[in-house]
Amino acid sequence: MNSPKKPNLDAKDILAMIIAAFELLLPPVLIIFGAVIAIYYVLKFLTT
């Protein structure tokens, strides 16, 4: 990492970083998404 201004990344490295980020972020995102949907349907059921 000699030049932090312009990192020399090819598509393989970027794809690997994106996949790693998805593997890190996907479980909490799924939990939050499921909780939001559950709360939405509970509120919809209670208010109608």
C-alpha atoms as a PDB file:
ATOM      1  CA  MET A   1       0.000   0.000   0.000  1.00  0.00           C
ATOM      2  CA  ASN A   2       2.465   2.602  -1.203  1.00  0.00           C
ATOM      3  CA  SER A   3      -0.110   4.951  -2.756  1.00  0.00           C
ATOM      4  CA  PRO A   4      -3.244   5.281  -0.608  1.00  0.00           C
ATOM      5  CA  LYS A   5      -4.583   7.901  -3.014  1.00  0.00           C
ATOM      6  CA  LYS A   6      -4.989   5.435  -5.891  1.00  0.00           C
ATOM      7  CA  PRO A   7      -5.175   1.823  -4.690  1.00  0.00           C
ATOM      8  CA  ASN A   8      -4.362  -0.650  -7.440  1.00  0.00           C
ATOM      9  CA  LEU A   9      -7.399  -2.922  -7.262  1.00  0.00           C
ATOM     10  CA  ASP A  10      -8.733  -5.102 -10.010  1.00  0.00           C
ATOM     11  CA  ALA A  11     -12.289  -6.391 -10.232  1.00  0.00           C
ATOM     12  CA  LYS A  12     -11.356  -9.628  -8.427  1.00  0.00           C
ATOM     13  CA  ASP A  13     -10.200  -7.791  -5.301  1.00  0.00           C
ATOM     14  CA  ILE A  14     -13.213  -5.466  -5.345  1.00  0.00           C
ATOM     15  CA  LEU A  15     -15.581  -8.414  -5.752  1.00  0.00           C
ATOM     16  CA  ALA A  16     -13.892 -10.269  -2.900  1.00  0.00           C
ATOM     17  CA  MET A  17     -14.204  -7.195  -0.668  1.00  0.00           C
ATOM     18  CA  ILE A  18     -17.891  -6.801  -1.593  1.00  0.00           C
ATOM     19  CA  ILE A  19     -18.571 -10.482  -0.860  1.00  0.00           C
ATOM     20  CA  ALA A  20     -16.758 -10.237   2.479  1.00  0.00           C
ATOM     21  CA  ALA A  21     -18.748  -7.113   3.378  1.00  0.00           C
ATOM     22  CA  PHE A  22     -21.995  -8.866   2.445  1.00  0.00           C
ATOM     23  CA  GLU A  23     -21.048 -11.883   4.566  1.00  0.00           C
ATOM     24  CA  LEU A  24     -20.386  -9.555   7.503  1.00  0.00           C
ATOM     25  CA  LEU A  25     -23.452  -7.346   7.035  1.00  0.00           C
ATOM     26  CA  LEU A  26     -26.067  -9.804   5.814  1.00  0.00           C
ATOM     27  CA  PRO A  27     -27.122 -11.482   9.117  1.00  0.00           C
ATOM     28  CA  PRO A  28     -27.856  -8.223  11.047  1.00  0.00           C
ATOM     29  CA  VAL A  29     -29.523  -6.747   7.963  1.00  0.00           C
ATOM     30  CA  LEU A  30     -31.767  -9.804   7.649  1.00  0.00           C
ATOM     31  CA  ILE A  31     -32.614  -9.663  11.357  1.00  0.00           C
ATOM     32  CA  ILE A  32     -33.435  -5.936  11.174  1.00  0.00           C
ATOM     33  CA  PHE A  33     -35.422  -6.427   7.961  1.00  0.00           C
ATOM     34  CA  GLY A  34     -37.433  -9.271   9.471  1.00  0.00           C
ATOM     35  CA  ALA A  35     -38.087  -7.277  12.648  1.00  0.00           C
ATOM     36  CA  VAL A  36     -39.255  -4.252  10.645  1.00  0.00           C
ATOM     37  CA  ILE A  37     -41.600  -6.394   8.548  1.00  0.00           C
ATOM     38  CA  ALA A  38     -42.956  -8.129  11.657  1.00  0.00           C
ATOM     39  CA  ILE A  39     -43.556  -4.802  13.439  1.00  0.00           C
ATOM     40  CA  TYR A  40     -45.191  -3.387  10.304  1.00  0.00           C
ATOM     41  CA  TYR A  41     -47.605  -6.293  10.001  1.00  0.00           C
ATOM     42  CA  VAL A  42     -48.389  -6.270  13.743  1.00  0.00           C
ATOM     43  CA  LEU A  43     -49.179  -2.545  13.615  1.00  0.00           C
ATOM     44  CA  LYS A  44     -51.219  -3.013  10.448  1.00  0.00           C
ATOM     45  CA  PHE A  45     -53.137  -5.850  12.110  1.00  0.00           C
ATOM     46  CA  LEU A  46     -53.757  -3.833  15.279  1.00  0.00           C
ATOM     47  CA  THR A  47     -54.806  -0.594  13.576  1.00  0.00           C
ATOM     48  CA  THR A  48     -57.319  -2.098  11.133  1.00  0.00           C
END
